Amino acid sequence: MLPLNEQMDLIRRGVEEIVPEEELEGRIAESIRAKAPLRVKYGIDPTGKDVHVGHMVPVSKMRDFQDAGHQGVLIIGDYTAQIGDPTGREESRPSLTKEQVLKNAETYIDQLMKVLDRAKTEVRHQSGWFEGFTLVEAIRLGQKFTLAKMLEHETFARRLREGLPLAMHELLYPMLMAYDSVAVRADVELGGMEQRFNILQGRDLQRASGQRPQIAVLMPMLPGIDGAAKMGKSLGNYIGVNDPPADMFGKIMSIADSLLVQYFVLAAGAPPEVVREVEDKLAGRVLVDEKPVNPRDVKRQLGRLIVARYHGEEAAQQADDEFMGVFSRRDQLPEDVPDLSVAAEKIPIVELIVRGGLAPSRSEARRLIQQGGVALDGEKISDVNATIRPKDGAILRVGKRRFARLKVIGI
């Protein structure tokens, strides 16, 4: 195991809150003396097929714990996924079937293991303890929570204030998530700040069950590539762990300069000295050939780090080379590229293509996308349902000879 001070420095990196921090420090000191690793839990609900780099923020923190000498406990939420996490939602999620959840779960583990140390990861499915749960046991679990306590959950309280529906099954979500911590005897639970309430319920339930309460290690939310909201699949503003290297790199090159430091810390897991160097470059304190560093080159550095994390160094360099090849060829665009005026809000790519006269119909636009013939600023678009947030001056290419330069109005 790493020494105590080195462990705490590593664990604090990129973390927003530790509840309570002094207790974590004491627990780690005990684990060093006893040569007994802490059990560090992270749960993820397989609600879709893809994991994105926002999901990987707490997963990367689990890897930090593993590198410090501790045991990761990965919970696959095959029961809570059928309920759906109500946090931050104004309406109930549509329920998933058990078959849908299990199919999704098959893809999740391989994606998470791109970051985790497989030898130090214990994978547990909730069905291991909830499959045989009786009604009596469920009622007894409910006895350990009060309605007043549940209404401290901001989502639940807001729904009631605003007269929005609040289904009884949604109240089960924090209870089941808390029971996971009891089932695996977690010492630490990782999650985003939006999971604070749920994770602290696990701490309370462990105490009521005669276990030492877990410590919550909470991470900030990673903004999506549009910078408008947290990264999410439903918003289309995410970088998928399984995205091809070129697509992943292209998405990173599209993010706003203001997001770069957050992405270096949270998405790339860059050490403090690299983050400080990035801050100096963006502030103009680092000169190359007596000129400030171009933020584009900082994005390229970020792109290489993130792509290498999921696809390897060779793929990262190739993605960079391909992007720069496309970027350098922008000077070879036709001289008469027409402007396409568009509002600043998000727009379906199919609608944008048709509106710009780059395809005669929606069906033709979809066909061109499926054939790989559509790109925005050199980034290929392969999802016919994709929506984009227009960037002023971006080049939309459809086929080999049809181009439009986006002119964003209202900014």
Protein backbone atom coordinates (compact mmCIF):
# COMPACT_ATOMS: atom_id res chain seq x y z
CA MET A 1 0.00 0.00 0.00
CA LEU A 2 1.02 3.60 -0.55
CA PRO A 3 1.83 5.69 2.54
CA LEU A 4 -1.08 7.55 4.13
CA ASN A 5 -0.18 11.02 2.86
CA GLU A 6 0.33 9.75 -0.71
CA GLN A 7 -3.00 7.92 -0.61
CA MET A 8 -4.88 11.01 0.60
CA ASP A 9 -3.23 13.22 -2.04
CA LEU A 10 -4.22 10.75 -4.76
CA ILE A 11 -7.77 10.31 -3.47
CA ARG A 12 -8.43 14.04 -3.03
CA ARG A 13 -7.45 14.77 -6.64
CA GLY A 14 -10.52 15.93 -8.57
CA VAL A 15 -12.87 15.19 -5.66
CA GLU A 16 -15.57 17.69 -4.67
CA GLU A 17 -16.46 16.37 -1.20
CA ILE A 18 -15.52 13.56 1.20
CA VAL A 19 -18.07 12.79 3.93
CA PRO A 20 -16.41 12.77 6.42
CA GLU A 21 -12.79 13.29 5.33
CA GLU A 22 -11.20 12.76 8.74
CA GLU A 23 -12.96 9.43 9.00
CA LEU A 24 -11.57 8.33 5.64
CA GLU A 25 -8.06 9.26 6.74
CA GLY A 26 -8.48 7.25 9.93
CA ARG A 27 -9.91 4.26 8.06
CA ILE A 28 -7.00 4.26 5.60
CA ALA A 29 -4.48 4.48 8.46
CA GLU A 30 -6.14 1.41 10.03
CA SER A 31 -6.03 -0.47 6.73
CA ILE A 32 -2.29 0.22 6.39
CA ARG A 33 -1.59 -1.04 9.91
CA ALA A 34 -3.74 -4.14 9.44
CA LYS A 35 -2.60 -4.68 5.84
CA ALA A 36 -6.29 -5.05 5.00
CA PRO A 37 -7.54 -3.16 1.91
CA LEU A 38 -10.69 -1.07 2.11
CA ARG A 39 -13.73 -2.19 0.12
CA VAL A 40 -14.49 0.65 -2.29
CA LYS A 41 -17.93 0.47 -3.90
CA TYR A 42 -19.25 2.01 -7.09
CA GLY A 43 -22.64 1.12 -8.55
CA ILE A 44 -23.81 1.65 -12.11
CA ASP A 45 -27.22 0.96 -13.63
CA PRO A 46 -27.05 -0.63 -17.10
CA THR A 47 -29.81 1.52 -18.59
CA GLY A 48 -28.27 1.49 -22.08
CA LYS A 49 -25.53 -0.21 -24.08
CA ASP A 50 -22.89 2.50 -23.88
CA VAL A 51 -20.81 3.92 -21.07
CA HIS A 52 -19.58 7.49 -21.56
CA VAL A 53 -16.56 9.26 -20.10
CA GLY A 54 -18.80 11.05 -17.59
CA HIS A 55 -19.59 7.65 -16.05
CA MET A 56 -15.87 6.98 -15.89
CA VAL A 57 -15.12 9.88 -13.52
CA PRO A 58 -15.97 7.90 -10.34
CA VAL A 59 -14.67 4.72 -12.01
CA SER A 60 -11.31 6.44 -12.43
CA LYS A 61 -11.38 7.34 -8.74
CA MET A 62 -11.91 3.65 -7.98
CA ARG A 63 -8.76 2.98 -10.00
CA ASP A 64 -6.94 5.53 -7.80
CA PHE A 65 -8.04 3.57 -4.73
CA GLN A 66 -6.88 0.35 -6.39
CA ASP A 67 -3.49 1.87 -7.20
CA ALA A 68 -3.24 2.86 -3.53
CA GLY A 69 -3.76 -0.81 -2.56
CA HIS A 70 -7.52 -1.16 -2.02
CA GLN A 71 -10.25 -3.46 -3.36
CA GLY A 72 -12.79 -2.19 -5.87
CA VAL A 73 -16.36 -3.52 -5.60
CA LEU A 74 -18.34 -2.86 -8.77
CA ILE A 75 -22.12 -3.16 -8.36
CA ILE A 76 -24.11 -3.86 -11.51
CA GLY A 77 -27.55 -2.43 -10.73
CA ASP A 78 -29.68 -5.03 -12.48
CA TYR A 79 -32.56 -4.28 -10.06
CA THR A 80 -32.29 -0.50 -9.59
CA ALA A 81 -31.99 -0.15 -13.39
CA GLN A 82 -35.51 -1.55 -13.66
CA ILE A 83 -36.72 1.30 -11.42
CA GLY A 84 -34.52 4.06 -12.83
CA ASP A 85 -32.72 6.67 -10.76
CA PRO A 86 -35.21 9.51 -10.17
CA THR A 87 -32.49 12.01 -9.22
CA GLY A 88 -32.88 15.28 -11.08
CA ARG A 89 -35.83 14.08 -13.13
CA GLU A 90 -39.22 15.76 -13.29
CA GLU A 91 -41.04 12.60 -14.32
CA SER A 92 -40.67 8.88 -13.73
CA ARG A 93 -38.31 6.99 -16.00
CA PRO A 94 -39.90 4.38 -18.24
CA SER A 95 -39.31 0.96 -16.72
CA LEU A 96 -36.84 -1.45 -18.33
CA THR A 97 -37.42 -5.19 -18.47
CA LYS A 98 -35.06 -7.61 -16.78
CA GLU A 99 -34.02 -8.91 -20.21
CA GLN A 100 -33.13 -5.40 -21.43
CA VAL A 101 -31.07 -4.72 -18.32
CA LEU A 102 -29.13 -7.99 -18.49
CA LYS A 103 -28.35 -7.45 -22.18
CA ASN A 104 -27.03 -3.97 -21.42
CA ALA A 105 -24.99 -5.25 -18.46
CA GLU A 106 -23.00 -7.57 -20.72
CA THR A 107 -21.40 -4.59 -22.48
CA TYR A 108 -20.83 -2.47 -19.37
CA ILE A 109 -18.22 -4.59 -17.62
CA ASP A 110 -15.82 -4.72 -20.57
CA GLN A 111 -16.04 -0.95 -20.97
CA LEU A 112 -15.40 -0.27 -17.27
CA MET A 113 -12.42 -2.61 -17.25
CA LYS A 114 -10.64 -0.33 -19.71
CA VAL A 115 -9.83 1.77 -16.63
CA LEU A 116 -10.18 -0.58 -13.65
CA ASP A 117 -7.61 -3.12 -12.47
CA ARG A 118 -9.45 -6.36 -13.18
CA ALA A 119 -7.40 -8.27 -10.60
CA LYS A 120 -8.53 -5.85 -7.88
CA THR A 121 -12.17 -5.60 -8.96
CA GLU A 122 -14.95 -7.67 -7.43
CA VAL A 123 -18.00 -7.58 -9.71
CA ARG A 124 -21.35 -8.08 -7.97
CA HIS A 125 -24.88 -8.06 -9.39
CA GLN A 126 -27.75 -6.88 -7.21
CA SER A 127 -29.69 -9.98 -8.19
CA GLY A 128 -27.28 -11.86 -5.92
CA TRP A 129 -29.17 -10.48 -2.90
CA PHE A 130 -32.44 -9.09 -4.28
CA GLU A 131 -33.43 -12.13 -6.35
CA GLY A 132 -34.63 -13.95 -3.23
CA PHE A 133 -35.89 -10.88 -1.37
CA THR A 134 -39.31 -11.58 0.16
CA LEU A 135 -42.10 -9.09 0.70
CA VAL A 136 -41.48 -9.28 4.44
CA GLU A 137 -37.81 -8.40 3.94
CA ALA A 138 -38.77 -5.49 1.69
CA ILE A 139 -41.16 -4.17 4.33
CA ARG A 140 -38.50 -4.51 7.03
CA LEU A 141 -36.10 -2.57 4.84
CA GLY A 142 -38.73 0.16 4.46
CA GLN A 143 -39.06 0.36 8.27
CA LYS A 144 -35.53 1.73 8.46
CA PHE A 145 -36.46 4.85 6.46
CA THR A 146 -39.01 7.59 7.10
CA LEU A 147 -41.05 9.62 4.64
CA ALA A 148 -39.58 12.78 6.18
CA LYS A 149 -36.10 11.49 5.41
CA MET A 150 -37.02 10.63 1.82
CA LEU A 151 -38.43 14.13 1.32
CA GLU A 152 -34.98 15.55 2.08
CA HIS A 153 -34.17 14.29 -1.41
CA GLU A 154 -34.36 17.47 -3.49
CA THR A 155 -35.96 15.74 -6.48
CA PHE A 156 -38.76 14.27 -4.38
CA ALA A 157 -39.36 17.53 -2.50
CA ARG A 158 -39.48 19.55 -5.73
CA ARG A 159 -41.94 17.16 -7.35
CA LEU A 160 -44.29 17.53 -4.39
CA ARG A 161 -43.92 21.33 -4.30
CA GLU A 162 -44.71 21.60 -7.99
CA GLY A 163 -47.58 19.10 -7.94
CA LEU A 164 -45.72 16.65 -10.20
CA PRO A 165 -46.29 12.89 -9.92
CA LEU A 166 -44.08 11.00 -7.45
CA ALA A 167 -44.55 7.26 -7.75
CA MET A 168 -44.08 5.00 -4.73
CA HIS A 169 -41.60 2.76 -6.57
CA GLU A 170 -39.24 5.73 -7.00
CA LEU A 171 -38.90 5.97 -3.21
CA LEU A 172 -37.45 2.46 -3.31
CA TYR A 173 -34.43 3.54 -5.33
CA PRO A 174 -32.40 5.12 -2.48
CA MET A 175 -33.38 2.23 -0.19
CA LEU A 176 -32.16 -0.45 -2.58
CA MET A 177 -28.97 1.45 -3.34
CA ALA A 178 -28.34 1.78 0.40
CA TYR A 179 -28.89 -1.94 0.91
CA ASP A 180 -26.18 -2.65 -1.68
CA SER A 181 -23.67 -1.12 0.74
CA VAL A 182 -24.85 -3.43 3.51
CA ALA A 183 -24.74 -6.46 1.21
CA VAL A 184 -21.11 -5.90 0.18
CA ARG A 185 -19.95 -4.35 3.49
CA ALA A 186 -18.59 -1.24 1.75
CA ASP A 187 -16.03 0.97 3.49
CA VAL A 188 -16.20 3.70 0.84
CA GLU A 189 -18.77 4.55 -1.82
CA LEU A 190 -17.98 6.60 -4.91
CA GLY A 191 -20.39 8.67 -6.96
CA GLY A 192 -21.19 12.03 -8.48
CA MET A 193 -22.43 14.92 -6.34
CA GLU A 194 -25.99 14.25 -7.53
CA GLN A 195 -25.78 10.88 -5.72
CA ARG A 196 -24.94 12.47 -2.35
CA PHE A 197 -28.36 11.79 -0.82
CA ASN A 198 -28.45 8.17 -1.98
CA ILE A 199 -24.92 7.40 -0.80
CA LEU A 200 -25.53 8.90 2.62
CA GLN A 201 -28.60 6.66 2.98
CA GLY A 202 -26.21 3.73 2.64
CA ARG A 203 -24.13 5.17 5.46
CA ASP A 204 -27.20 5.42 7.71
CA LEU A 205 -28.46 1.94 6.83
CA GLN A 206 -25.09 0.36 7.56
CA ARG A 207 -25.04 2.02 10.97
CA ALA A 208 -28.58 0.72 11.65
CA SER A 209 -27.46 -2.76 10.52
CA GLY A 210 -24.53 -2.91 12.92
CA GLN A 211 -21.84 -2.16 10.31
CA ARG A 212 -19.29 0.63 10.25
CA PRO A 213 -20.75 3.35 8.04
CA GLN A 214 -19.16 3.90 4.66
CA ILE A 215 -17.41 7.13 3.69
CA ALA A 216 -18.81 9.02 0.69
CA VAL A 217 -16.30 10.22 -1.90
CA LEU A 218 -18.16 12.53 -4.26
CA MET A 219 -17.04 13.73 -7.68
CA PRO A 220 -18.13 16.82 -9.62
CA MET A 221 -20.26 16.31 -12.70
CA LEU A 222 -18.48 16.33 -16.06
CA PRO A 223 -20.10 18.83 -18.45
CA GLY A 224 -21.14 17.53 -21.84
CA ILE A 225 -19.20 18.52 -24.94
CA ASP A 226 -21.77 21.27 -25.59
CA GLY A 227 -21.01 22.84 -22.20
CA ALA A 228 -24.73 23.39 -21.64
CA ALA A 229 -25.53 20.47 -19.30
CA LYS A 230 -23.93 17.46 -17.65
CA MET A 231 -22.78 14.75 -20.01
CA GLY A 232 -25.64 12.40 -20.85
CA LYS A 233 -26.70 9.94 -23.53
CA SER A 234 -30.20 11.36 -23.73
CA LEU A 235 -28.77 14.82 -24.51
CA GLY A 236 -26.43 13.58 -27.22
CA ASN A 237 -23.54 15.58 -25.70
CA TYR A 238 -21.39 12.64 -24.65
CA ILE A 239 -18.15 10.91 -25.57
CA GLY A 240 -18.71 7.15 -25.57
CA VAL A 241 -16.04 4.85 -24.16
CA ASN A 242 -16.52 2.66 -27.23
CA ASP A 243 -16.52 5.55 -29.72
CA PRO A 244 -13.96 4.95 -32.49
CA PRO A 245 -10.69 6.84 -31.81
CA ALA A 246 -11.26 9.37 -34.62
CA ASP A 247 -14.81 10.13 -33.43
CA MET A 248 -13.67 10.44 -29.82
CA PHE A 249 -10.83 12.78 -30.79
CA GLY A 250 -13.11 14.89 -32.98
CA LYS A 251 -15.63 15.35 -30.17
CA ILE A 252 -12.88 16.46 -27.80
CA MET A 253 -11.67 19.00 -30.35
CA SER A 254 -15.18 20.49 -30.43
CA ILE A 255 -15.40 21.38 -26.73
CA ALA A 256 -15.19 24.97 -25.53
CA ASP A 257 -11.84 26.26 -24.26
CA SER A 258 -13.49 26.98 -20.91
CA LEU A 259 -14.02 23.24 -20.33
CA LEU A 260 -10.42 22.17 -20.92
CA VAL A 261 -9.15 22.21 -17.34
CA GLN A 262 -12.18 20.24 -16.09
CA TYR A 263 -11.68 17.66 -18.82
CA PHE A 264 -7.98 17.27 -18.04
CA VAL A 265 -8.83 16.65 -14.37
CA LEU A 266 -12.01 14.59 -14.65
CA ALA A 267 -11.96 12.91 -18.07
CA ALA A 268 -8.21 12.40 -18.54
CA GLY A 269 -7.21 11.95 -14.88
CA ALA A 270 -4.19 14.19 -15.48
CA PRO A 271 -1.81 14.68 -12.52
CA PRO A 272 -1.60 18.12 -10.84
CA GLU A 273 1.62 19.14 -12.61
CA VAL A 274 0.01 18.56 -16.02
CA VAL A 275 -3.11 20.49 -14.98
CA ARG A 276 -0.97 23.43 -13.79
CA GLU A 277 0.87 23.43 -17.11
CA VAL A 278 -2.45 23.46 -18.99
CA GLU A 279 -3.68 26.39 -16.87
CA ASP A 280 -0.47 28.28 -17.63
CA LYS A 281 -0.82 27.61 -21.37
CA LEU A 282 -4.43 28.80 -21.45
CA ALA A 283 -3.53 31.92 -19.47
CA GLY A 284 -0.78 32.80 -21.94
CA ARG A 285 2.02 32.24 -19.41
CA VAL A 286 3.71 29.67 -21.67
CA LEU A 287 5.17 30.83 -24.98
CA VAL A 288 6.14 28.77 -28.02
CA ASP A 289 8.26 30.63 -30.59
CA GLU A 290 7.51 33.76 -28.54
CA LYS A 291 3.77 33.29 -29.04
CA PRO A 292 1.05 32.10 -26.65
CA VAL A 293 0.04 28.46 -27.04
CA ASN A 294 -2.95 27.95 -29.34
CA PRO A 295 -5.85 26.40 -27.34
CA ARG A 296 -6.30 24.03 -30.28
CA ASP A 297 -2.95 22.44 -29.39
CA VAL A 298 -4.06 22.06 -25.76
CA LYS A 299 -7.17 20.26 -27.01
CA ARG A 300 -4.99 17.99 -29.11
CA GLN A 301 -3.00 17.12 -25.98
CA LEU A 302 -6.26 16.36 -24.17
CA GLY A 303 -7.54 14.33 -27.10
CA ARG A 304 -4.41 12.18 -27.16
CA LEU A 305 -4.64 11.54 -23.41
CA ILE A 306 -8.31 10.49 -23.47
CA VAL A 307 -8.09 8.40 -26.65
CA ALA A 308 -4.94 6.66 -25.34
CA ARG A 309 -6.79 5.81 -22.14
CA TYR A 310 -9.42 3.81 -24.00
CA HIS A 311 -7.71 2.79 -27.25
CA GLY A 312 -3.95 2.99 -26.66
CA GLU A 313 -1.13 5.38 -27.59
CA GLU A 314 -0.90 4.34 -31.24
CA ALA A 315 -4.61 4.94 -31.87
CA ALA A 316 -4.37 8.31 -30.12
CA GLN A 317 -1.53 9.51 -32.32
CA GLN A 318 -3.29 8.26 -35.46
CA ALA A 319 -6.49 10.10 -34.48
CA ASP A 320 -4.48 13.29 -33.94
CA ASP A 321 -2.74 12.90 -37.30
CA GLU A 322 -6.05 12.28 -39.08
CA PHE A 323 -7.67 15.30 -37.46
CA MET A 324 -4.79 17.60 -38.34
CA GLY A 325 -4.87 16.28 -41.91
CA VAL A 326 -8.52 17.27 -42.17
CA PHE A 327 -7.86 20.59 -40.44
CA SER A 328 -5.00 21.46 -42.79
CA ARG A 329 -7.16 20.60 -45.80
CA ARG A 330 -9.72 23.23 -44.78
CA ASP A 331 -7.62 25.70 -46.77
CA GLN A 332 -8.48 23.60 -49.83
CA LEU A 333 -12.22 24.15 -49.51
CA PRO A 334 -14.02 25.70 -52.47
CA GLU A 335 -13.77 29.49 -52.45
CA ASP A 336 -17.52 29.89 -52.67
CA VAL A 337 -18.65 27.83 -49.66
CA PRO A 338 -22.13 29.20 -48.93
CA ASP A 339 -23.16 30.40 -45.47
CA LEU A 340 -25.97 28.57 -43.73
CA SER A 341 -27.70 30.73 -41.12
CA VAL A 342 -28.90 28.80 -38.10
CA ALA A 343 -30.09 29.63 -34.60
CA ALA A 344 -27.82 28.99 -31.60
CA GLU A 345 -29.97 26.19 -30.15
CA LYS A 346 -29.49 22.49 -30.82
CA ILE A 347 -30.85 21.12 -34.09
CA PRO A 348 -31.20 17.58 -35.53
CA ILE A 349 -28.44 16.98 -38.07
CA VAL A 350 -30.97 15.67 -40.62
CA GLU A 351 -32.95 18.91 -40.41
CA LEU A 352 -29.77 20.98 -40.76
CA ILE A 353 -28.72 19.11 -43.91
CA VAL A 354 -32.12 19.53 -45.57
CA ARG A 355 -32.46 23.17 -44.49
CA GLY A 356 -29.09 23.92 -46.06
CA GLY A 357 -30.12 22.34 -49.35
CA LEU A 358 -27.36 19.73 -49.02
CA ALA A 359 -29.82 16.87 -49.49
CA PRO A 360 -33.22 16.92 -51.22
CA SER A 361 -35.07 15.04 -48.48
CA ARG A 362 -34.80 13.71 -44.95
CA SER A 363 -34.56 10.15 -46.20
CA GLU A 364 -31.64 11.07 -48.48
CA ALA A 365 -29.95 12.89 -45.59
CA ARG A 366 -30.29 9.78 -43.41
CA ARG A 367 -28.88 7.60 -46.19
CA LEU A 368 -25.85 9.86 -46.58
CA ILE A 369 -25.23 9.79 -42.81
CA GLN A 370 -25.48 5.99 -42.72
CA GLN A 371 -22.98 5.76 -45.58
CA GLY A 372 -20.46 7.92 -43.71
CA GLY A 373 -20.82 10.87 -46.05
CA VAL A 374 -21.56 13.58 -43.48
CA ALA A 375 -18.99 15.42 -41.36
CA LEU A 376 -18.98 18.57 -39.25
CA ASP A 377 -15.57 20.27 -38.97
CA GLY A 378 -13.94 17.03 -40.04
CA GLU A 379 -15.79 14.89 -37.47
CA LYS A 380 -17.83 12.17 -39.12
CA ILE A 381 -21.47 11.96 -37.99
CA SER A 382 -22.82 8.42 -37.99
CA ASP A 383 -26.00 8.72 -35.91
CA VAL A 384 -29.05 9.67 -37.98
CA ASN A 385 -30.78 10.85 -34.80
CA ALA A 386 -27.89 13.07 -33.67
CA THR A 387 -28.52 16.66 -32.69
CA ILE A 388 -25.79 19.30 -32.70
CA ARG A 389 -25.27 22.70 -31.15
CA PRO A 390 -24.11 24.85 -34.10
CA LYS A 391 -20.69 26.46 -33.85
CA ASP A 392 -20.13 29.65 -35.81
CA GLY A 393 -17.83 29.05 -38.76
CA ALA A 394 -18.03 25.25 -38.62
CA ILE A 395 -17.93 23.49 -41.98
CA LEU A 396 -20.68 21.00 -42.77
CA ARG A 397 -19.74 18.55 -45.52
CA VAL A 398 -22.28 16.29 -47.19
CA GLY A 399 -20.90 13.89 -49.76
CA LYS A 400 -17.66 14.87 -51.49
CA ARG A 401 -18.62 18.22 -53.00
CA ARG A 402 -21.39 19.79 -50.94
CA PHE A 403 -20.32 22.23 -48.22
CA ALA A 404 -21.87 24.88 -46.00
CA ARG A 405 -20.32 27.26 -43.46
CA LEU A 406 -22.53 27.64 -40.40
CA LYS A 407 -23.38 31.19 -39.48
CA VAL A 408 -24.91 31.19 -36.01
CA ILE A 409 -27.38 33.98 -35.42
CA GLY A 410 -28.35 35.31 -32.03
CA ILE A 411 -24.88 35.06 -30.41
